[in-house]
């Protein structure tokens, strides 16, 4: 939410305060109304002094033990993460610009790519930062439910590299994204798989962009 949007939102709330007061609302209720809905990023990435945009490269890999249900998920998570980060930062002072995945694909075909440091890959492609994402586990079918219900969970680790300081990891964090249980009669495995990948990419993006709390997003659905 931009500064102007916050300004007009607060004035709109002020217009209804007299009515709220007449209904006997407590001070704690008013405090909730005025609470700032937008959460700042937990892992902010600073812009370069001479640039407005922050260029990032999203690299995603997964454990060999992840089953065939998730074939191709690396590319999907990278694409979705980049989309969430770009769209969520459009109105910020320094929006993110994600490196075109096609440029990364072209570089992947060069000898020795897998042995390269993520920061060197990012530097070659013009990135300021690299998100090196590894998905070590993804599942949708808890054994205790015998496939009757779908419940998603993943274990994700992210190492952030600053290409200007390639000798060490700049930031590092782990995530445990989960999706709510749904009956297999109401959602197909393919649909639920997409939900889990969306959840993973959203939680990664939220680490680096300001966003509304999940409770507020859920209330607006």
C-alpha atoms as a PDB file:
ATOM      1  CA  UNK A   1       0.000   0.000   0.000  1.00  0.00           C
ATOM      2  CA  UNK A   2       1.487   3.381  -1.037  1.00  0.00           C
ATOM      3  CA  UNK A   3       1.790   6.459   1.206  1.00  0.00           C
ATOM      4  CA  UNK A   4      -1.086   8.195  -0.602  1.00  0.00           C
ATOM      5  CA  UNK A   5      -3.322   5.156  -0.217  1.00  0.00           C
ATOM      6  CA  UNK A   6      -2.571   4.990   3.498  1.00  0.00           C
ATOM      7  CA  UNK A   7      -3.324   8.729   3.860  1.00  0.00           C
ATOM      8  CA  UNK A   8      -6.749   8.510   2.221  1.00  0.00           C
ATOM      9  CA  UNK A   9      -7.571   5.269   4.005  1.00  0.00           C
ATOM     10  CA  UNK A  10      -7.016   6.924   7.384  1.00  0.00           C
ATOM     11  CA  UNK A  11      -9.139   9.931   6.449  1.00  0.00           C
ATOM     12  CA  UNK A  12     -11.901   7.607   5.322  1.00  0.00           C
ATOM     13  CA  UNK A  13     -11.747   5.867   8.692  1.00  0.00           C
ATOM     14  CA  UNK A  14     -11.854   9.218  10.506  1.00  0.00           C
ATOM     15  CA  UNK A  15     -15.083   9.994   8.691  1.00  0.00           C
ATOM     16  CA  UNK A  16     -16.738   7.044  10.390  1.00  0.00           C
ATOM     17  CA  UNK A  17     -15.294   7.447  13.884  1.00  0.00           C
ATOM     18  CA  UNK A  18     -18.263   9.329  15.306  1.00  0.00           C
ATOM     19  CA  UNK A  19     -20.587   6.512  14.313  1.00  0.00           C
ATOM     20  CA  UNK A  20     -18.221   3.954  15.784  1.00  0.00           C
ATOM     21  CA  UNK A  21     -17.964   5.891  19.052  1.00  0.00           C
ATOM     22  CA  UNK A  22     -21.764   6.098  19.327  1.00  0.00           C
ATOM     23  CA  UNK A  23     -21.922   2.317  19.004  1.00  0.00           C
ATOM     24  CA  UNK A  24     -19.763   2.005  22.108  1.00  0.00           C
ATOM     25  CA  UNK A  25     -16.539   0.650  20.654  1.00  0.00           C
ATOM     26  CA  UNK A  26     -13.680   0.224  23.112  1.00  0.00           C
ATOM     27  CA  UNK A  27     -10.241   1.910  22.722  1.00  0.00           C
ATOM     28  CA  UNK A  28      -8.768  -1.484  21.808  1.00  0.00           C
ATOM     29  CA  UNK A  29     -11.193  -1.743  18.885  1.00  0.00           C
ATOM     30  CA  UNK A  30     -10.181   1.703  17.651  1.00  0.00           C
ATOM     31  CA  UNK A  31      -6.533   0.704  17.987  1.00  0.00           C
ATOM     32  CA  UNK A  32      -7.181  -2.282  15.742  1.00  0.00           C
ATOM     33  CA  UNK A  33      -8.792  -0.060  13.110  1.00  0.00           C
ATOM     34  CA  UNK A  34      -5.799   2.280  13.024  1.00  0.00           C
ATOM     35  CA  UNK A  35      -3.248  -0.519  13.027  1.00  0.00           C
ATOM     36  CA  UNK A  36      -0.939  -0.440  10.017  1.00  0.00           C
ATOM     37  CA  UNK A  37      -1.949  -3.306   7.771  1.00  0.00           C
ATOM     38  CA  UNK A  38       1.241  -3.434   5.714  1.00  0.00           C
ATOM     39  CA  UNK A  39       4.139  -5.530   7.010  1.00  0.00           C
ATOM     40  CA  UNK A  40       7.707  -4.517   6.095  1.00  0.00           C
ATOM     41  CA  UNK A  41      10.035  -7.066   4.491  1.00  0.00           C
ATOM     42  CA  UNK A  42      11.954  -9.208   6.965  1.00  0.00           C
ATOM     43  CA  UNK A  43      14.928  -9.510   4.598  1.00  0.00           C
ATOM     44  CA  UNK A  44      15.131  -6.115   2.829  1.00  0.00           C
ATOM     45  CA  UNK A  45      17.538  -5.738  -0.074  1.00  0.00           C
ATOM     46  CA  UNK A  46      19.099  -2.308  -0.452  1.00  0.00           C
ATOM     47  CA  UNK A  47      19.296  -0.622  -3.883  1.00  0.00           C
ATOM     48  CA  UNK A  48      22.560   0.395  -5.496  1.00  0.00           C
ATOM     49  CA  UNK A  49      23.292   4.093  -5.100  1.00  0.00           C
ATOM     50  CA  UNK A  50      23.113   4.789  -8.837  1.00  0.00           C
ATOM     51  CA  UNK A  51      20.040   2.666  -9.652  1.00  0.00           C
ATOM     52  CA  UNK A  52      16.316   3.021  -9.088  1.00  0.00           C
ATOM     53  CA  UNK A  53      15.476  -0.655  -9.657  1.00  0.00           C
ATOM     54  CA  UNK A  54      16.880  -3.617  -7.742  1.00  0.00           C
ATOM     55  CA  UNK A  55      17.792  -6.395 -10.153  1.00  0.00           C
ATOM     56  CA  UNK A  56      17.491  -9.929  -8.786  1.00  0.00           C
ATOM     57  CA  UNK A  57      18.071 -13.397 -10.164  1.00  0.00           C
ATOM     58  CA  UNK A  58      15.981 -16.293  -8.824  1.00  0.00           C
ATOM     59  CA  UNK A  59      17.722 -19.677  -8.904  1.00  0.00           C
ATOM     60  CA  UNK A  60      15.699 -22.700  -7.769  1.00  0.00           C
ATOM     61  CA  UNK A  61      16.838 -26.275  -7.254  1.00  0.00           C
ATOM     62  CA  UNK A  62      15.221 -29.235  -5.517  1.00  0.00           C
ATOM     63  CA  UNK A  63      16.320 -32.419  -3.804  1.00  0.00           C
ATOM     64  CA  UNK A  64      16.653 -35.554  -5.999  1.00  0.00           C
ATOM     65  CA  UNK A  65      14.348 -37.316  -3.528  1.00  0.00           C
ATOM     66  CA  UNK A  66      11.354 -35.183  -4.543  1.00  0.00           C
ATOM     67  CA  UNK A  67       8.955 -37.350  -6.532  1.00  0.00           C
ATOM     68  CA  UNK A  68       7.723 -37.129 -10.096  1.00  0.00           C
ATOM     69  CA  UNK A  69       4.631 -35.229  -8.930  1.00  0.00           C
ATOM     70  CA  UNK A  70       6.918 -32.196  -8.734  1.00  0.00           C
ATOM     71  CA  UNK A  71       8.776 -32.566 -12.020  1.00  0.00           C
ATOM     72  CA  UNK A  72       9.364 -29.101 -13.434  1.00  0.00           C
ATOM     73  CA  UNK A  73       8.511 -27.395 -10.163  1.00  0.00           C
ATOM     74  CA  UNK A  74      11.894 -25.605 -10.016  1.00  0.00           C
ATOM     75  CA  UNK A  75      11.054 -23.445 -13.016  1.00  0.00           C
ATOM     76  CA  UNK A  76       7.479 -22.847 -11.807  1.00  0.00           C
ATOM     77  CA  UNK A  77       8.621 -21.688  -8.367  1.00  0.00           C
ATOM     78  CA  UNK A  78      11.233 -19.388  -9.905  1.00  0.00           C
ATOM     79  CA  UNK A  79       8.675 -17.859 -12.284  1.00  0.00           C
ATOM     80  CA  UNK A  80       6.010 -17.416  -9.599  1.00  0.00           C
ATOM     81  CA  UNK A  81       8.487 -15.966  -7.090  1.00  0.00           C
ATOM     82  CA  UNK A  82       9.745 -13.438  -9.624  1.00  0.00           C
ATOM     83  CA  UNK A  83       6.178 -12.469 -10.530  1.00  0.00           C
ATOM     84  CA  UNK A  84       5.165 -11.934  -6.885  1.00  0.00           C
ATOM     85  CA  UNK A  85       8.269  -9.885  -6.133  1.00  0.00           C
ATOM     86  CA  UNK A  86       7.913  -7.654  -9.184  1.00  0.00           C
ATOM     87  CA  UNK A  87       4.179  -7.052  -8.781  1.00  0.00           C
ATOM     88  CA  UNK A  88       4.424  -6.528  -5.023  1.00  0.00           C
ATOM     89  CA  UNK A  89       7.145  -3.888  -5.360  1.00  0.00           C
ATOM     90  CA  UNK A  90       5.759  -1.872  -8.303  1.00  0.00           C
ATOM     91  CA  UNK A  91       4.687   1.060  -6.109  1.00  0.00           C
ATOM     92  CA  UNK A  92       7.791   1.117  -3.927  1.00  0.00           C
ATOM     93  CA  UNK A  93      10.553   3.693  -4.268  1.00  0.00           C
ATOM     94  CA  UNK A  94      12.942   1.030  -5.526  1.00  0.00           C
ATOM     95  CA  UNK A  95      10.967  -1.699  -7.340  1.00  0.00           C
ATOM     96  CA  UNK A  96      12.466  -5.093  -8.110  1.00  0.00           C
ATOM     97  CA  UNK A  97      13.332  -6.188 -11.616  1.00  0.00           C
ATOM     98  CA  UNK A  98      13.711  -9.948 -12.100  1.00  0.00           C
ATOM     99  CA  UNK A  99      16.287 -11.216 -14.585  1.00  0.00           C
ATOM    100  CA  UNK A 100      14.617 -12.820 -17.625  1.00  0.00           C
ATOM    101  CA  UNK A 101      14.535 -16.635 -17.096  1.00  0.00           C
ATOM    102  CA  UNK A 102      15.364 -17.115 -20.788  1.00  0.00           C
ATOM    103  CA  UNK A 103      18.765 -15.499 -20.200  1.00  0.00           C
ATOM    104  CA  UNK A 104      19.359 -17.926 -17.347  1.00  0.00           C
ATOM    105  CA  UNK A 105      18.300 -20.893 -19.506  1.00  0.00           C
ATOM    106  CA  UNK A 106      20.802 -19.907 -22.166  1.00  0.00           C
ATOM    107  CA  UNK A 107      23.582 -19.703 -19.583  1.00  0.00           C
ATOM    108  CA  UNK A 108      22.632 -23.076 -18.079  1.00  0.00           C
ATOM    109  CA  UNK A 109      23.692 -24.758 -21.319  1.00  0.00           C
ATOM    110  CA  UNK A 110      27.292 -23.579 -20.982  1.00  0.00           C
ATOM    111  CA  UNK A 111      29.958 -25.973 -19.626  1.00  0.00           C
ATOM    112  CA  UNK A 112      30.583 -25.850 -15.871  1.00  0.00           C
ATOM    113  CA  UNK A 113      27.380 -23.993 -15.022  1.00  0.00           C
ATOM    114  CA  UNK A 114      26.454 -26.245 -12.079  1.00  0.00           C
ATOM    115  CA  UNK A 115      29.826 -25.657 -10.411  1.00  0.00           C
ATOM    116  CA  UNK A 116      29.618 -21.873 -10.541  1.00  0.00           C
ATOM    117  CA  UNK A 117      29.023 -19.623  -7.554  1.00  0.00           C
ATOM    118  CA  UNK A 118      25.485 -18.128  -7.637  1.00  0.00           C
ATOM    119  CA  UNK A 119      26.932 -14.630  -7.216  1.00  0.00           C
ATOM    120  CA  UNK A 120      29.102 -14.994 -10.336  1.00  0.00           C
ATOM    121  CA  UNK A 121      26.071 -16.175 -12.323  1.00  0.00           C
ATOM    122  CA  UNK A 122      24.067 -13.196 -11.100  1.00  0.00           C
ATOM    123  CA  UNK A 123      26.847 -10.758 -11.942  1.00  0.00           C
ATOM    124  CA  UNK A 124      27.125 -12.078 -15.494  1.00  0.00           C
ATOM    125  CA  UNK A 125      23.371 -11.631 -15.992  1.00  0.00           C
ATOM    126  CA  UNK A 126      23.294  -8.128 -14.518  1.00  0.00           C
ATOM    127  CA  UNK A 127      21.704  -8.900 -11.147  1.00  0.00           C
ATOM    128  CA  UNK A 128      22.358  -7.008  -7.931  1.00  0.00           C
ATOM    129  CA  UNK A 129      21.251  -9.935  -5.773  1.00  0.00           C
ATOM    130  CA  UNK A 130      20.681 -13.655  -6.271  1.00  0.00           C
ATOM    131  CA  UNK A 131      18.067 -15.717  -4.443  1.00  0.00           C
ATOM    132  CA  UNK A 132      19.451 -19.256  -4.392  1.00  0.00           C
ATOM    133  CA  UNK A 133      16.423 -21.357  -3.418  1.00  0.00           C
ATOM    134  CA  UNK A 134      16.590 -25.036  -2.531  1.00  0.00           C
ATOM    135  CA  UNK A 135      13.457 -27.121  -1.951  1.00  0.00           C
ATOM    136  CA  UNK A 136      14.470 -30.161   0.082  1.00  0.00           C
ATOM    137  CA  UNK A 137      10.964 -31.573   0.601  1.00  0.00           C
ATOM    138  CA  UNK A 138       7.451 -31.281  -0.869  1.00  0.00           C
ATOM    139  CA  UNK A 139       4.448 -33.452  -0.162  1.00  0.00           C
ATOM    140  CA  UNK A 140       0.693 -33.500  -0.687  1.00  0.00           C
ATOM    141  CA  UNK A 141      -0.548 -36.854   0.572  1.00  0.00           C
ATOM    142  CA  UNK A 142      -0.171 -37.415   4.333  1.00  0.00           C
ATOM    143  CA  UNK A 143       0.030 -41.158   4.934  1.00  0.00           C
ATOM    144  CA  UNK A 144      -2.354 -41.037   7.883  1.00  0.00           C
ATOM    145  CA  UNK A 145      -5.213 -39.964   5.597  1.00  0.00           C
ATOM    146  CA  UNK A 146      -4.635 -42.585   2.923  1.00  0.00           C
ATOM    147  CA  UNK A 147      -5.025 -40.119   0.060  1.00  0.00           C
ATOM    148  CA  UNK A 148      -8.558 -39.102   1.008  1.00  0.00           C
ATOM    149  CA  UNK A 149      -7.354 -35.614   1.905  1.00  0.00           C
ATOM    150  CA  UNK A 150      -4.654 -33.394   0.446  1.00  0.00           C
ATOM    151  CA  UNK A 151      -2.401 -31.441   2.777  1.00  0.00           C
ATOM    152  CA  UNK A 152       0.671 -29.700   1.428  1.00  0.00           C
ATOM    153  CA  UNK A 153       3.966 -28.908   3.091  1.00  0.00           C
ATOM    154  CA  UNK A 154       7.457 -27.987   1.954  1.00  0.00           C
ATOM    155  CA  UNK A 155      10.877 -27.319   3.445  1.00  0.00           C
ATOM    156  CA  UNK A 156      12.726 -24.513   1.710  1.00  0.00           C
ATOM    157  CA  UNK A 157      16.083 -22.860   2.325  1.00  0.00           C
ATOM    158  CA  UNK A 158      17.148 -19.605   0.676  1.00  0.00           C
ATOM    159  CA  UNK A 159      20.644 -18.149   0.448  1.00  0.00           C
ATOM    160  CA  UNK A 160      20.816 -14.535  -0.749  1.00  0.00           C
ATOM    161  CA  UNK A 161      23.978 -13.368  -2.494  1.00  0.00           C
ATOM    162  CA  UNK A 162      25.079  -9.783  -3.013  1.00  0.00           C
ATOM    163  CA  UNK A 163      26.985  -9.868  -6.301  1.00  0.00           C
ATOM    164  CA  UNK A 164      29.160  -6.986  -5.100  1.00  0.00           C
ATOM    165  CA  UNK A 165      30.340  -9.205  -2.205  1.00  0.00           C
ATOM    166  CA  UNK A 166      30.472 -12.690  -3.752  1.00  0.00           C
ATOM    167  CA  UNK A 167      32.803 -14.197  -1.168  1.00  0.00           C
ATOM    168  CA  UNK A 168      30.028 -14.901   1.375  1.00  0.00           C
ATOM    169  CA  UNK A 169      26.278 -15.417   1.692  1.00  0.00           C
ATOM    170  CA  UNK A 170      24.580 -12.055   2.287  1.00  0.00           C
ATOM    171  CA  UNK A 171      21.437 -13.369   4.014  1.00  0.00           C
ATOM    172  CA  UNK A 172      20.031 -16.821   4.735  1.00  0.00           C
ATOM    173  CA  UNK A 173      16.688 -18.158   5.951  1.00  0.00           C
ATOM    174  CA  UNK A 174      14.449 -21.219   5.983  1.00  0.00           C
ATOM    175  CA  UNK A 175      10.736 -21.573   5.326  1.00  0.00           C
ATOM    176  CA  UNK A 176       8.147 -24.254   6.023  1.00  0.00           C
ATOM    177  CA  UNK A 177       5.222 -23.355   3.704  1.00  0.00           C
ATOM    178  CA  UNK A 178       1.969 -25.229   4.281  1.00  0.00           C
ATOM    179  CA  UNK A 179      -1.352 -25.344   2.471  1.00  0.00           C
ATOM    180  CA  UNK A 180      -4.687 -26.131   4.174  1.00  0.00           C
ATOM    181  CA  UNK A 181      -6.170 -29.612   4.107  1.00  0.00           C
ATOM    182  CA  UNK A 182      -8.717 -30.208   1.356  1.00  0.00           C
ATOM    183  CA  UNK A 183     -10.712 -33.266   0.392  1.00  0.00           C
ATOM    184  CA  UNK A 184      -9.543 -34.965  -2.784  1.00  0.00           C
ATOM    185  CA  UNK A 185     -13.151 -34.928  -3.976  1.00  0.00           C
ATOM    186  CA  UNK A 186     -13.145 -31.112  -4.131  1.00  0.00           C
ATOM    187  CA  UNK A 187      -9.728 -30.449  -5.649  1.00  0.00           C
ATOM    188  CA  UNK A 188      -7.543 -32.385  -8.086  1.00  0.00           C
ATOM    189  CA  UNK A 189      -3.900 -33.213  -7.313  1.00  0.00           C
ATOM    190  CA  UNK A 190      -2.826 -30.886 -10.142  1.00  0.00           C
ATOM    191  CA  UNK A 191      -4.803 -27.989  -8.654  1.00  0.00           C
ATOM    192  CA  UNK A 192      -3.450 -28.655  -5.187  1.00  0.00           C
ATOM    193  CA  UNK A 193       0.097 -28.913  -6.509  1.00  0.00           C
ATOM    194  CA  UNK A 194      -0.311 -25.448  -7.983  1.00  0.00           C
ATOM    195  CA  UNK A 195      -1.582 -24.159  -4.631  1.00  0.00           C
ATOM    196  CA  UNK A 196       1.526 -25.470  -2.876  1.00  0.00           C
ATOM    197  CA  UNK A 197       3.896 -23.946  -5.426  1.00  0.00           C
ATOM    198  CA  UNK A 198       2.049 -20.633  -5.107  1.00  0.00           C
ATOM    199  CA  UNK A 199       2.415 -20.793  -1.348  1.00  0.00           C
ATOM    200  CA  UNK A 200       6.152 -21.462  -1.546  1.00  0.00           C
ATOM    201  CA  UNK A 201       6.770 -18.593  -3.968  1.00  0.00           C
ATOM    202  CA  UNK A 202       4.565 -16.200  -1.995  1.00  0.00           C
ATOM    203  CA  UNK A 203       6.415 -16.827   1.266  1.00  0.00           C
ATOM    204  CA  UNK A 204       9.769 -16.259  -0.449  1.00  0.00           C
ATOM    205  CA  UNK A 205       8.512 -13.000  -1.970  1.00  0.00           C
ATOM    206  CA  UNK A 206       7.116 -11.800   1.375  1.00  0.00           C
ATOM    207  CA  UNK A 207      10.614 -11.962   2.846  1.00  0.00           C
ATOM    208  CA  UNK A 208      11.724  -9.190   0.486  1.00  0.00           C
ATOM    209  CA  UNK A 209       8.668  -6.986  -0.154  1.00  0.00           C
ATOM    210  CA  UNK A 210       6.174  -5.111   2.006  1.00  0.00           C
ATOM    211  CA  UNK A 211       2.820  -6.878   2.117  1.00  0.00           C
ATOM    212  CA  UNK A 212      -0.465  -6.984   3.962  1.00  0.00           C
ATOM    213  CA  UNK A 213      -0.689  -9.443   6.875  1.00  0.00           C
ATOM    214  CA  UNK A 214      -2.157 -12.768   5.891  1.00  0.00           C
ATOM    215  CA  UNK A 215      -5.134 -12.206   8.212  1.00  0.00           C
ATOM    216  CA  UNK A 216      -6.054  -9.068   6.267  1.00  0.00           C
ATOM    217  CA  UNK A 217      -5.661 -10.842   2.934  1.00  0.00           C
ATOM    218  CA  UNK A 218      -7.858 -13.708   4.099  1.00  0.00           C
ATOM    219  CA  UNK A 219     -10.540 -11.295   5.313  1.00  0.00           C
ATOM    220  CA  UNK A 220     -10.678  -9.699   1.869  1.00  0.00           C
ATOM    221  CA  UNK A 221     -11.308 -12.972   0.024  1.00  0.00           C
END
